[in-house]
Protein backbone atom coordinates (compact mmCIF):
# COMPACT_ATOMS: atom_id res chain seq x y z
CA MET A 1 150.46 138.42 159.59
CA LYS A 2 153.12 138.96 157.33
CA VAL A 3 153.20 141.55 154.43
CA TYR A 4 154.54 141.48 151.03
CA ILE A 5 155.22 144.83 149.58
CA ASP A 6 155.99 144.75 145.54
CA PRO A 7 159.09 147.11 145.88
CA ARG A 8 158.36 147.89 141.75
CA THR A 9 156.28 150.35 143.13
CA GLU A 10 156.23 154.14 143.33
CA TYR A 11 157.47 155.63 147.38
CA ARG A 12 156.25 158.99 147.61
CA TYR A 13 152.62 158.46 146.68
CA THR A 14 152.30 155.12 148.76
CA SER A 15 154.77 156.39 151.85
CA PHE A 16 151.04 157.41 154.00
CA TYR A 17 149.89 153.79 153.67
CA ARG A 18 152.91 152.50 154.71
CA LEU A 19 153.32 154.13 157.80
CA GLY A 20 150.11 152.99 158.46
CA LEU A 21 151.18 149.00 157.86
CA TYR A 22 154.56 149.51 160.09
CA LYS A 23 152.54 150.62 162.87
CA LEU A 24 150.42 147.92 162.35
CA PHE A 25 152.67 144.98 161.76
CA GLY A 26 155.71 146.05 162.15
CA LYS A 27 158.77 146.56 160.34
CA LYS A 28 160.61 143.16 160.73
CA ASN A 29 156.88 141.85 159.76
CA ILE A 30 157.13 144.10 156.35
CA ILE A 31 158.42 142.11 153.65
CA TYR A 32 159.72 143.62 150.42
CA SER A 33 159.40 141.05 147.44
CA VAL A 34 158.51 140.25 143.74
CA LYS A 35 157.41 136.87 143.76
CA PRO A 36 154.14 137.37 145.29
CA PHE A 37 153.25 138.95 142.71
CA GLU A 38 154.73 137.60 139.76
CA ASP A 39 150.58 136.52 138.21
CA LEU A 40 150.38 140.48 137.91
CA LYS A 41 152.43 141.78 135.05
CA ILE A 42 154.02 145.09 134.70
CA THR A 43 154.79 146.09 131.01
CA ASN A 44 155.78 149.32 131.09
CA ALA A 45 157.30 151.91 133.22
CA ASN A 46 154.84 153.98 133.60
CA GLN A 47 153.15 151.30 135.77
CA TYR A 48 155.33 152.21 138.62
CA GLY A 49 153.88 155.46 139.42
CA CYS A 50 150.72 154.27 139.41
CA GLY A 51 149.30 152.12 142.31
CA MET A 52 151.33 149.81 145.32
CA GLU A 53 150.47 145.79 145.51
CA VAL A 54 150.18 144.19 148.78
CA VAL A 55 149.68 140.83 150.21
CA PHE A 56 148.15 140.07 153.62
CA ASP A 57 149.03 136.58 154.30
CA ASN A 58 148.06 135.81 158.18
CA GLU A 59 149.14 132.64 160.20
CA TYR A 60 146.36 130.22 159.00
CA GLY A 61 147.83 130.67 155.54
CA LYS A 62 144.72 133.25 153.94
CA ILE A 63 145.75 134.95 151.44
CA THR A 64 144.67 138.61 151.20
CA LYS A 65 145.68 141.16 147.92
CA VAL A 66 144.72 144.82 148.00
CA TYR A 67 145.98 147.73 144.98
CA PHE A 68 146.52 150.86 146.76
CA ASP A 69 145.61 153.03 143.63
CA ILE A 70 147.25 156.61 144.03
CA LYS A 71 146.04 158.19 140.49
CA ASP A 72 145.14 161.96 139.83
CA VAL A 73 142.72 160.41 137.34
CA ALA A 74 139.54 158.32 138.54
CA GLU A 75 139.88 155.66 136.29
CA ILE A 76 140.10 151.63 137.34
CA GLU A 77 142.52 149.21 135.96
CA LYS A 78 140.96 146.28 134.86
CA ASP A 79 144.30 144.45 135.02
CA LYS A 80 145.01 145.18 138.76
CA TYR A 81 141.15 145.38 139.78
CA ASP A 82 141.02 141.68 138.58
CA TRP A 83 144.12 140.71 140.46
CA CYS A 84 142.90 141.70 143.85
CA ASP A 85 140.66 141.14 146.53
CA ILE A 86 139.95 144.94 147.78
CA TYR A 87 141.02 147.67 145.60
CA SER A 88 141.80 150.99 147.50
CA LYS A 89 141.84 154.05 145.58
CA VAL A 90 141.76 157.95 146.29
CA ASN A 91 139.79 159.20 144.03
CA ILE A 92 137.15 157.53 143.29
CA LYS A 93 133.87 158.88 141.04
CA PHE A 94 130.65 158.85 143.50
CA GLU A 95 128.73 156.93 141.32
CA ASP A 96 132.11 154.55 140.81
CA LEU A 97 131.02 152.54 144.30
CA GLU A 98 128.15 151.11 142.84
CA LYS A 99 129.75 149.28 139.66
CA TYR A 100 132.95 148.23 141.36
CA ASP A 101 132.46 146.12 144.80
CA LYS A 102 135.96 145.71 145.46
CA LEU A 103 136.20 149.51 145.93
CA PHE A 104 137.26 150.93 149.54
CA VAL A 105 137.42 154.54 150.11
CA PRO A 106 140.66 155.33 152.23
CA GLY A 107 140.25 159.35 151.73
CA PRO A 108 142.91 162.03 150.77
CA ASN A 109 146.18 161.40 151.67
CA PHE A 110 149.84 163.17 151.41
CA ALA A 111 153.44 161.63 151.02
CA ILE A 112 155.20 161.58 154.49
CA ARG A 113 159.08 161.17 155.57
CA ASN A 114 159.79 158.12 157.97
CA ARG A 115 163.25 157.18 156.89
CA SER A 116 166.47 158.62 157.38
CA LEU A 117 168.21 160.16 154.62
CA LEU A 118 170.59 157.06 154.41
CA GLY A 119 167.76 154.66 155.28
CA LEU A 120 166.09 156.07 152.75
CA LEU A 121 168.84 155.72 149.54
CA THR A 122 169.86 152.18 151.22
CA PHE A 123 166.06 151.10 150.88
CA GLY A 124 165.56 152.99 147.60
CA LEU A 125 168.28 151.25 145.86
CA GLN A 126 167.46 147.83 147.57
CA ASN A 127 164.27 147.87 146.19
CA PHE A 128 165.49 148.38 142.65
CA LEU A 129 167.59 145.38 142.83
CA ARG A 130 164.80 143.49 144.39
CA GLY A 131 162.67 143.98 141.40
CA GLN A 132 165.78 145.25 138.00
CA SER A 133 164.36 142.56 135.87
CA SER A 134 161.15 143.49 135.63
CA SER A 135 160.30 146.84 136.33
CA TYR A 136 161.45 148.43 132.97
CA GLN A 137 162.39 151.52 136.02
CA SER A 138 165.68 153.32 135.76
CA PHE A 139 167.80 153.75 138.49
CA LYS A 140 168.01 157.18 138.20
CA ARG A 141 163.58 157.49 138.69
CA TYR A 142 163.93 154.84 142.02
CA ILE A 143 166.73 156.97 143.86
CA HIS A 144 164.79 160.64 142.60
CA ASP A 145 161.67 158.82 144.52
CA TYR A 146 163.31 158.42 147.45
CA LEU A 147 165.66 161.41 147.53
CA TYR A 148 162.47 163.82 147.18
CA ILE A 149 160.74 162.16 150.58
CA TYR A 150 164.08 163.48 152.17
CA VAL A 151 164.24 166.78 150.79
CA ARG A 152 160.63 167.52 149.97
CA ARG A 153 158.23 166.17 152.81
CA ARG A 154 158.53 165.28 156.61
CA SER A 155 156.91 163.22 159.24
CA ILE A 156 153.75 162.98 160.53
CA LYS A 157 154.96 164.74 163.78
CA SER A 158 155.63 167.49 162.27
CA TYR A 159 152.22 167.33 160.88
CA GLU A 160 150.55 166.62 164.52
CA LYS A 161 153.08 169.46 166.50
CA CYS A 162 150.60 172.04 167.75
CA ILE A 163 151.22 175.47 167.28
CA ASP A 164 149.77 178.60 167.68
CA VAL A 165 147.10 180.64 164.81
CA ILE A 166 148.23 184.01 164.66
CA PRO A 167 144.44 186.27 164.52
CA ASN A 168 143.42 188.43 160.66
CA TYR A 169 147.28 186.10 159.23
CA VAL A 170 146.60 183.21 156.49
CA PHE A 171 149.20 181.35 154.54
CA HIS A 172 148.37 180.18 151.46
CA ALA A 173 151.12 177.87 149.24
CA SER A 174 150.01 176.26 146.20
CA THR A 175 150.59 176.08 142.39
CA LEU A 176 148.68 177.55 139.14
CA TRP A 177 148.20 174.80 137.30
CA TYR A 178 147.98 174.38 133.36
CA ASN A 179 145.06 172.52 132.02
CA GLN A 180 141.21 173.60 131.34
CA PHE A 181 140.11 172.39 134.60
CA ALA A 182 142.81 173.80 136.55
CA LYS A 183 141.96 177.12 134.55
CA ASP A 184 137.89 176.77 135.13
CA CYS A 185 138.09 175.59 138.68
CA THR A 186 141.71 175.04 140.84
CA ASN A 187 142.74 178.24 139.94
CA LEU A 188 139.93 180.44 140.01
CA TYR A 189 139.16 179.09 142.92
CA ARG A 190 142.60 179.77 144.57
CA GLY A 191 143.43 183.33 142.97
CA GLU A 192 139.56 183.99 144.35
CA PHE A 193 140.16 182.99 147.96
CA LEU A 194 143.40 185.24 148.06
CA LYS A 195 141.82 188.38 146.82
CA SER A 196 139.06 187.93 148.98
CA CYS A 197 141.89 187.75 151.95
CA GLN A 198 142.96 190.53 150.70
CA TYR A 199 139.43 192.41 149.89
CA ALA A 200 139.31 191.69 154.03
CA GLY A 201 142.46 192.70 155.14
CA MET A 202 144.15 190.24 156.57
CA HIS A 203 147.68 189.30 156.48
CA ILE A 204 148.85 187.26 153.90
CA GLU A 205 152.20 185.41 153.43
CA GLY A 206 152.93 182.99 150.59
CA GLY A 207 150.68 183.28 146.98
CA LEU A 208 150.68 180.99 143.99
CA TYR A 209 153.64 179.35 142.33
CA TYR A 210 153.36 180.12 138.55
CA LEU A 211 155.65 178.42 136.96
CA LYS A 212 157.52 180.79 134.64
CA ASP A 213 159.18 180.41 130.82
CA ASP A 214 158.06 176.69 131.09
CA PRO A 215 157.69 175.55 127.07
CA ASP A 216 155.76 172.42 128.24
CA VAL A 217 153.01 174.54 130.28
CA LEU A 218 152.47 177.22 127.30
CA ALA A 219 151.96 174.05 124.93
CA GLU A 220 149.13 173.27 126.54
CA MET A 221 147.57 176.46 127.92
CA PRO A 222 148.94 178.84 125.29
CA ASP A 223 147.20 181.45 127.73
CA TYR A 224 148.72 180.86 131.13
CA PRO A 225 150.72 183.88 131.41
CA PHE A 226 147.68 186.06 131.85
CA TYR A 227 148.06 184.68 135.56
CA GLU A 228 151.02 187.47 136.04
CA GLU A 229 148.46 190.36 135.23
CA VAL A 230 145.52 189.15 137.45
CA TYR A 231 146.76 187.31 140.32
CA LYS A 232 150.22 190.04 140.03
CA ASP A 233 149.69 190.44 143.57
CA PHE A 234 150.79 186.91 144.83
CA ILE A 235 152.70 185.28 142.48
CA TYR A 236 156.03 183.67 143.63
CA ASP A 237 158.51 181.73 141.61
CA LYS A 238 160.54 180.55 144.22
CA ARG A 239 159.80 176.81 146.28
CA LEU A 240 159.47 177.45 150.12
CA SER A 241 161.21 175.33 152.06
CA MET A 242 159.04 172.37 153.60
CA ASP A 243 159.50 173.66 157.29
CA ASP A 244 157.98 177.26 156.53
CA TYR A 245 155.14 175.49 155.06
CA ILE A 246 153.98 173.21 158.06
CA LYS A 247 154.87 176.02 160.77
CA LYS A 248 152.92 178.91 158.38
CA THR A 249 150.40 176.85 157.62
CA LYS A 250 149.78 175.80 161.24
CA GLU A 251 149.92 179.42 162.20
CA SER A 252 147.01 180.16 159.53
CA ILE A 253 143.79 181.39 161.24
CA LEU A 254 142.27 179.36 158.38
CA VAL A 255 142.81 177.29 155.03
CA PHE A 256 141.48 177.10 151.36
CA ASN A 257 141.32 173.81 149.89
CA THR A 258 139.78 173.16 145.63
CA PRO A 259 140.00 170.05 143.83
CA SER A 260 142.98 170.13 141.77
CA VAL A 261 144.19 168.84 138.83
CA CYS A 262 141.35 165.96 137.00
CA GLY A 263 138.94 167.50 139.80
CA CYS A 264 141.08 164.86 142.43
CA HIS A 265 142.17 165.21 146.06
CA GLY A 266 144.96 167.01 146.40
CA TRP A 267 147.46 166.32 149.35
CA LYS A 268 146.65 169.30 151.13
CA LEU A 269 142.96 168.28 151.97
CA GLY A 270 144.66 165.90 153.78
CA GLU A 271 147.47 167.81 155.47
CA TYR A 272 145.04 170.15 156.12
CA LEU A 273 142.38 167.19 158.09
CA CYS A 274 145.72 166.31 159.96
CA MET A 275 146.43 169.41 160.97
CA GLY A 276 143.35 170.14 162.45
CA LYS A 277 142.50 173.58 160.60
CA ALA A 278 139.83 175.21 159.90
CA ILE A 279 138.95 174.29 155.98
CA ILE A 280 136.86 176.81 153.58
CA SER A 281 136.56 175.12 150.09
CA SER A 282 135.20 173.92 146.88
CA PRO A 283 132.92 171.19 146.27
CA LEU A 284 134.96 167.71 146.84
CA LEU A 285 134.11 165.72 143.14
CA ARG A 286 135.31 163.05 144.71
CA GLU A 287 134.32 160.45 147.46
CA MET A 288 135.51 160.62 150.80
CA PRO A 289 134.74 158.04 153.91
CA GLY A 290 131.81 157.21 155.72
CA GLU A 291 129.84 159.83 156.66
CA GLY A 292 132.00 163.02 154.29
CA LEU A 293 132.66 166.05 155.63
CA THR A 294 129.98 168.38 156.69
CA HIS A 295 130.01 172.07 155.76
CA GLY A 296 129.64 173.65 158.86
CA LYS A 297 130.87 170.49 161.35
CA ASN A 298 134.40 170.19 160.39
CA ILE A 299 134.94 172.05 156.92
CA HIS A 300 133.17 175.11 155.28
CA ILE A 301 131.93 174.64 151.82
CA VAL A 302 131.73 177.58 149.29
CA ASN A 303 129.36 176.72 146.07
CA SER A 304 131.28 179.61 143.98
CA PRO A 305 133.55 181.77 143.75
CA GLU A 306 131.76 184.42 145.27
CA GLU A 307 130.60 182.75 148.54
CA ILE A 308 134.61 182.67 149.90
CA TYR A 309 134.88 185.80 151.00
CA ASP A 310 131.88 185.92 153.57
CA ALA A 311 133.45 182.39 154.48
CA VAL A 312 136.30 184.14 155.80
CA VAL A 313 135.17 186.97 157.34
CA LYS A 314 132.89 184.55 159.02
CA ILE A 315 136.00 182.11 160.39
CA ASN A 316 138.15 184.90 160.68
CA SER A 317 136.05 186.69 163.36
CA ASP A 318 133.85 184.08 164.69
CA ALA A 319 136.16 182.41 166.76
CA GLN A 320 134.01 180.00 168.17
CA TYR A 321 132.71 178.22 164.93
CA ARG A 322 136.85 178.30 163.88
CA LYS A 323 137.70 176.03 166.87
CA ARG A 324 134.35 173.99 165.73
CA LEU A 325 135.43 173.66 162.27
CA GLU A 326 139.59 172.04 164.04
CA ASP A 327 138.21 170.31 166.39
CA GLY A 328 135.78 168.46 163.47
CA ALA A 329 138.59 168.33 161.16
CA ARG A 330 141.01 166.65 163.34
CA ARG A 331 138.26 164.57 164.66
CA TYR A 332 137.01 162.97 161.56
CA TYR A 333 141.26 162.59 160.05
CA GLU A 334 141.30 160.31 163.42
CA LYS A 335 138.83 158.30 162.68
CA TRP A 336 138.87 157.72 158.97
CA ILE A 337 142.36 159.24 157.69
CA ALA A 338 144.97 158.82 159.54
CA PRO A 339 147.55 155.78 158.33
CA GLU A 340 146.62 152.81 160.56
CA ILE A 341 143.05 153.62 160.57
CA VAL A 342 143.14 152.91 156.96
CA ILE A 343 144.25 149.99 156.72
CA GLN A 344 142.10 148.68 159.49
CA ARG A 345 139.75 149.78 157.95
CA LEU A 346 140.85 147.71 154.86
CA LEU A 347 141.22 144.49 156.18
CA GLU A 348 137.67 144.63 158.16
CA LYS A 349 135.77 145.28 154.89
CA VAL A 350 137.60 142.12 153.96
CA GLY A 351 137.24 141.05 157.17
CA VAL A 352 140.67 140.29 158.04
CA GLN A 353 141.63 140.34 162.16
CA VAL A 354 144.43 143.30 163.03
């Protein structure tokens, strides 16, 4: 099997799926080339960050075209949908599976590092040159994308390494976003989660990253500064190191998830499932693979901010229940979400043997 990947696609948001392809087929069988994708026109620079085009070519000459839609928004891209044999999309509206028979549900993912710094920069330069004539993308954007992976992300093994949790300890780090959905849902749930942990007498580290003095933020959400007061005990304005983020998240006795910008699956959900954490979450707003996540089995769902405190107390005080959630989360990840599993499931859907 030969696997062709369009080099004119963003790396960080597709790195998860690339790892799955490397694991299943080996790097020697992964080919980066524009040629298999010449019938799919790229007309502007924004398409770089929308998704990844992949063509599978088996030894019998059977061609399978796959589009990995990585966007936060739930809309389907018609030209990509018409082009592909199967359309893998992270954020699918619940009703869309009945409307689009090519849709495939991979579940949440997250960006991972799988090359050295020199390897990433060389790889980025090669892909820029491969797609330079038709990508509409600047060299600076390419290199920033590949450099970001090295600076801000870590390998999948870093997430899977076992670290004991610390009793009565919570670590949470997330951003206070600035649209109406964030105000009504994402920021509200995150803030109330930390308040609940504080009220429960837990030791808290991390907090809410506040986008200070940003004119774009204020233009979108003029009342954004009110967060400085309402969540003053949890505000921070300096980025944490990724190594600390992973270590402290693993040590946290529980974690909190809520749909992020546009109601999407955030990277945190994929990270938490991979780590095998006891997850408290507000209701998910996008499709999940298989039977989905089940309250009390592999996640603890809260239907309102008022339910968070009881969830925090239960998981913090009931070791047996916490262990059930942890084991359930990791089992779900291994069955449905792991990079190579997503690729296997996808190919099985279209009858391609790996």
